[in-house]
N, C-alpha and C. Protein backbone atom coordinates (compact mmCIF):
# COMPACT_ATOMS: atom_id res chain seq x y z
N UNK A 1 -18.76 -18.48 0.26
CA UNK A 1 -18.51 -17.43 -0.69
C UNK A 1 -17.31 -16.61 -0.22
N UNK A 2 -16.51 -16.16 -1.15
CA UNK A 2 -15.37 -15.31 -0.84
C UNK A 2 -15.74 -13.85 -1.08
N UNK A 3 -15.04 -12.97 -0.39
CA UNK A 3 -15.34 -11.55 -0.45
C UNK A 3 -14.08 -10.73 -0.71
N UNK A 4 -14.29 -9.51 -1.21
CA UNK A 4 -13.20 -8.56 -1.44
C UNK A 4 -13.52 -7.27 -0.71
N UNK A 5 -12.45 -6.58 -0.31
CA UNK A 5 -12.57 -5.30 0.37
C UNK A 5 -12.02 -4.21 -0.53
N UNK A 6 -12.77 -3.13 -0.67
CA UNK A 6 -12.36 -1.96 -1.44
C UNK A 6 -12.40 -0.74 -0.54
N UNK A 7 -11.49 0.20 -0.80
CA UNK A 7 -11.51 1.48 -0.09
C UNK A 7 -11.86 2.56 -1.11
N UNK A 8 -12.81 3.41 -0.75
CA UNK A 8 -13.27 4.48 -1.62
C UNK A 8 -12.48 5.76 -1.36
N UNK A 9 -12.57 6.67 -2.31
CA UNK A 9 -11.84 7.93 -2.22
C UNK A 9 -12.12 8.68 -0.92
N UNK A 10 -13.37 8.61 -0.43
CA UNK A 10 -13.72 9.34 0.79
C UNK A 10 -13.38 8.59 2.07
N UNK A 11 -12.71 7.44 1.94
CA UNK A 11 -12.30 6.67 3.11
C UNK A 11 -13.27 5.58 3.53
N UNK A 12 -14.40 5.48 2.85
CA UNK A 12 -15.36 4.42 3.15
C UNK A 12 -14.80 3.08 2.68
N UNK A 13 -15.19 2.02 3.36
CA UNK A 13 -14.81 0.67 2.97
C UNK A 13 -16.04 -0.07 2.50
N UNK A 14 -15.88 -0.84 1.43
CA UNK A 14 -16.99 -1.57 0.82
C UNK A 14 -16.58 -3.02 0.64
N UNK A 15 -17.46 -3.93 1.04
CA UNK A 15 -17.26 -5.38 0.88
C UNK A 15 -18.19 -5.85 -0.22
N UNK A 16 -17.65 -6.63 -1.15
CA UNK A 16 -18.44 -7.20 -2.24
C UNK A 16 -18.05 -8.67 -2.42
N UNK A 17 -18.91 -9.47 -3.06
CA UNK A 17 -18.49 -10.83 -3.38
C UNK A 17 -17.25 -10.77 -4.27
N UNK A 18 -16.33 -11.68 -4.02
CA UNK A 18 -15.08 -11.71 -4.77
C UNK A 18 -15.36 -11.86 -6.26
N UNK A 19 -14.64 -11.10 -7.06
CA UNK A 19 -14.83 -11.11 -8.50
C UNK A 19 -15.69 -9.96 -8.98
N UNK A 20 -16.36 -9.29 -8.06
CA UNK A 20 -17.17 -8.14 -8.41
C UNK A 20 -16.48 -6.86 -7.93
N UNK A 21 -16.91 -5.74 -8.48
CA UNK A 21 -16.47 -4.44 -7.98
C UNK A 21 -17.67 -3.76 -7.33
N UNK A 22 -17.44 -2.75 -6.52
CA UNK A 22 -18.58 -2.05 -5.92
C UNK A 22 -19.50 -1.49 -7.00
N UNK A 23 -20.80 -1.56 -6.78
CA UNK A 23 -21.74 -1.10 -7.79
C UNK A 23 -21.76 0.42 -7.91
N UNK A 24 -22.44 0.91 -8.91
CA UNK A 24 -22.50 2.33 -9.21
C UNK A 24 -23.02 3.13 -8.02
N UNK A 25 -23.90 2.55 -7.21
CA UNK A 25 -24.43 3.25 -6.04
C UNK A 25 -23.30 3.59 -5.06
N UNK A 26 -22.39 2.68 -4.87
CA UNK A 26 -21.25 2.92 -3.98
C UNK A 26 -20.32 3.96 -4.60
N UNK A 27 -20.10 3.86 -5.90
CA UNK A 27 -19.25 4.83 -6.60
C UNK A 27 -19.85 6.23 -6.50
N UNK A 28 -21.13 6.34 -6.73
CA UNK A 28 -21.81 7.63 -6.66
C UNK A 28 -21.74 8.22 -5.25
N UNK A 29 -21.92 7.39 -4.25
CA UNK A 29 -21.93 7.86 -2.86
C UNK A 29 -20.53 8.18 -2.33
N UNK A 30 -19.51 7.43 -2.77
CA UNK A 30 -18.19 7.53 -2.13
C UNK A 30 -17.03 7.85 -3.06
N UNK A 31 -17.25 7.90 -4.35
CA UNK A 31 -16.18 8.21 -5.28
C UNK A 31 -15.43 6.97 -5.74
N UNK A 32 -14.34 7.21 -6.44
CA UNK A 32 -13.54 6.11 -6.96
C UNK A 32 -13.09 5.19 -5.84
N UNK A 33 -12.76 3.96 -6.20
CA UNK A 33 -12.36 2.97 -5.20
C UNK A 33 -11.15 2.21 -5.69
N UNK A 34 -10.45 1.60 -4.73
CA UNK A 34 -9.34 0.72 -5.09
C UNK A 34 -9.45 -0.56 -4.28
N UNK A 35 -9.03 -1.64 -4.90
CA UNK A 35 -9.04 -2.95 -4.24
C UNK A 35 -8.01 -2.96 -3.12
N UNK A 36 -8.40 -3.45 -1.95
CA UNK A 36 -7.49 -3.52 -0.81
C UNK A 36 -7.01 -4.96 -0.60
N UNK A 37 -7.95 -5.90 -0.51
CA UNK A 37 -7.58 -7.28 -0.23
C UNK A 37 -8.74 -8.23 -0.48
N UNK A 38 -8.39 -9.50 -0.69
CA UNK A 38 -9.36 -10.60 -0.75
C UNK A 38 -9.17 -11.53 0.45
N UNK A 39 -8.26 -11.17 1.32
CA UNK A 39 -7.87 -12.08 2.41
C UNK A 39 -8.78 -11.91 3.63
N UNK A 40 -9.90 -12.63 3.61
CA UNK A 40 -10.84 -12.62 4.74
C UNK A 40 -10.26 -13.41 5.90
N UNK A 41 -10.67 -13.04 7.07
CA UNK A 41 -10.27 -13.79 8.26
C UNK A 41 -11.17 -15.00 8.50
N UNK A 42 -12.16 -15.19 7.65
CA UNK A 42 -13.07 -16.35 7.72
C UNK A 42 -13.76 -16.47 9.06
N UNK A 43 -14.29 -15.37 9.54
CA UNK A 43 -15.07 -15.34 10.77
C UNK A 43 -16.55 -15.36 10.43
N UNK A 44 -16.92 -16.21 9.48
CA UNK A 44 -18.27 -16.16 8.93
C UNK A 44 -19.36 -16.49 9.94
N UNK A 45 -19.04 -17.16 11.02
CA UNK A 45 -20.05 -17.50 12.02
C UNK A 45 -20.06 -16.47 13.15
N UNK A 46 -20.01 -15.21 12.80
CA UNK A 46 -19.99 -14.16 13.80
C UNK A 46 -21.12 -13.17 13.52
N UNK A 47 -21.56 -12.43 14.52
CA UNK A 47 -22.60 -11.43 14.31
C UNK A 47 -22.19 -10.36 13.29
N UNK A 48 -20.90 -10.02 13.25
CA UNK A 48 -20.43 -9.02 12.29
C UNK A 48 -20.65 -9.52 10.87
N UNK A 49 -20.21 -10.76 10.59
CA UNK A 49 -20.42 -11.31 9.24
C UNK A 49 -21.89 -11.50 8.93
N UNK A 50 -22.70 -11.83 9.93
CA UNK A 50 -24.14 -11.95 9.70
C UNK A 50 -24.69 -10.63 9.17
N UNK A 51 -24.30 -9.51 9.79
CA UNK A 51 -24.76 -8.19 9.34
C UNK A 51 -24.23 -7.87 7.94
N UNK A 52 -22.95 -8.12 7.71
CA UNK A 52 -22.34 -7.83 6.42
C UNK A 52 -22.99 -8.67 5.32
N UNK A 53 -23.15 -9.95 5.55
CA UNK A 53 -23.72 -10.82 4.51
C UNK A 53 -25.18 -10.47 4.24
N UNK A 54 -25.90 -10.02 5.26
CA UNK A 54 -27.28 -9.60 5.06
C UNK A 54 -27.34 -8.38 4.12
N UNK A 55 -26.44 -7.42 4.34
CA UNK A 55 -26.39 -6.24 3.47
C UNK A 55 -26.01 -6.63 2.04
N UNK A 56 -25.05 -7.55 1.90
CA UNK A 56 -24.62 -7.99 0.57
C UNK A 56 -25.77 -8.72 -0.14
N UNK A 57 -26.53 -9.51 0.59
CA UNK A 57 -27.67 -10.20 0.00
C UNK A 57 -28.69 -9.21 -0.57
N UNK A 58 -28.84 -8.06 0.08
CA UNK A 58 -29.83 -7.08 -0.35
C UNK A 58 -29.33 -6.17 -1.46
N UNK A 59 -28.03 -5.79 -1.43
CA UNK A 59 -27.55 -4.76 -2.36
C UNK A 59 -26.30 -5.14 -3.14
N UNK A 60 -25.80 -6.37 -2.97
CA UNK A 60 -24.56 -6.84 -3.59
C UNK A 60 -23.31 -6.13 -3.08
N UNK A 61 -23.44 -5.33 -2.04
CA UNK A 61 -22.28 -4.75 -1.37
C UNK A 61 -22.68 -4.34 0.03
N UNK A 62 -21.67 -4.15 0.86
CA UNK A 62 -21.90 -3.67 2.22
C UNK A 62 -20.87 -2.61 2.54
N UNK A 63 -21.33 -1.47 2.97
CA UNK A 63 -20.42 -0.44 3.45
C UNK A 63 -20.13 -0.75 4.91
N UNK A 64 -18.85 -0.77 5.28
CA UNK A 64 -18.47 -1.11 6.66
C UNK A 64 -17.54 -0.05 7.23
N UNK A 65 -17.60 0.11 8.54
CA UNK A 65 -16.69 1.03 9.23
C UNK A 65 -15.27 0.47 9.17
N UNK A 66 -14.26 1.35 9.24
CA UNK A 66 -12.87 0.86 9.18
C UNK A 66 -12.57 -0.23 10.20
N UNK A 67 -13.05 -0.07 11.43
CA UNK A 67 -12.74 -1.09 12.45
C UNK A 67 -13.35 -2.44 12.10
N UNK A 68 -14.48 -2.45 11.42
CA UNK A 68 -15.08 -3.70 10.97
C UNK A 68 -14.25 -4.28 9.83
N UNK A 69 -13.88 -3.43 8.88
CA UNK A 69 -13.06 -3.90 7.74
C UNK A 69 -11.77 -4.54 8.24
N UNK A 70 -11.12 -3.89 9.20
CA UNK A 70 -9.84 -4.40 9.70
C UNK A 70 -10.01 -5.65 10.56
N UNK A 71 -11.21 -5.85 11.11
CA UNK A 71 -11.42 -7.05 11.93
C UNK A 71 -11.77 -8.26 11.10
N UNK A 72 -12.36 -8.06 9.92
CA UNK A 72 -12.78 -9.21 9.12
C UNK A 72 -11.88 -9.49 7.92
N UNK A 73 -10.98 -8.57 7.62
CA UNK A 73 -10.02 -8.78 6.53
C UNK A 73 -8.60 -8.59 7.03
N UNK A 74 -7.67 -9.31 6.43
CA UNK A 74 -6.26 -9.06 6.67
C UNK A 74 -5.85 -7.93 5.74
N UNK A 75 -5.67 -6.75 6.30
CA UNK A 75 -5.41 -5.56 5.51
C UNK A 75 -3.92 -5.26 5.51
N UNK A 76 -3.32 -5.15 4.33
CA UNK A 76 -1.89 -4.84 4.26
C UNK A 76 -1.61 -3.44 4.74
N UNK A 77 -0.39 -3.19 5.12
CA UNK A 77 0.07 -1.86 5.52
C UNK A 77 -0.22 -0.90 4.36
N UNK A 78 -0.84 0.28 4.64
CA UNK A 78 -1.18 1.22 3.55
C UNK A 78 0.02 1.60 2.70
N UNK A 79 1.21 1.60 3.25
CA UNK A 79 2.39 1.97 2.48
C UNK A 79 2.71 0.94 1.39
N UNK A 80 2.16 -0.27 1.52
CA UNK A 80 2.44 -1.34 0.56
C UNK A 80 1.31 -1.63 -0.39
N UNK A 81 0.28 -0.80 -0.38
CA UNK A 81 -0.86 -1.01 -1.29
C UNK A 81 -0.57 -0.40 -2.61
């Protein structure tokens, strides 16, 4: 499965299955969001992805810390978003 990374107005990062947007629960908790990237680093056999995919299985999204987002996605320079 492919994933997308979104950044919310409050600085939170949300991972969702590609083709979806963060659900209303994420919007309510963190505000508006913008798409950052679909370029995963494909580290799916790692403990980090195990945790993220478990959260996605339960809620269709996973809120992740910035350092996790940057480790599992190729994130463009903020000036070019």
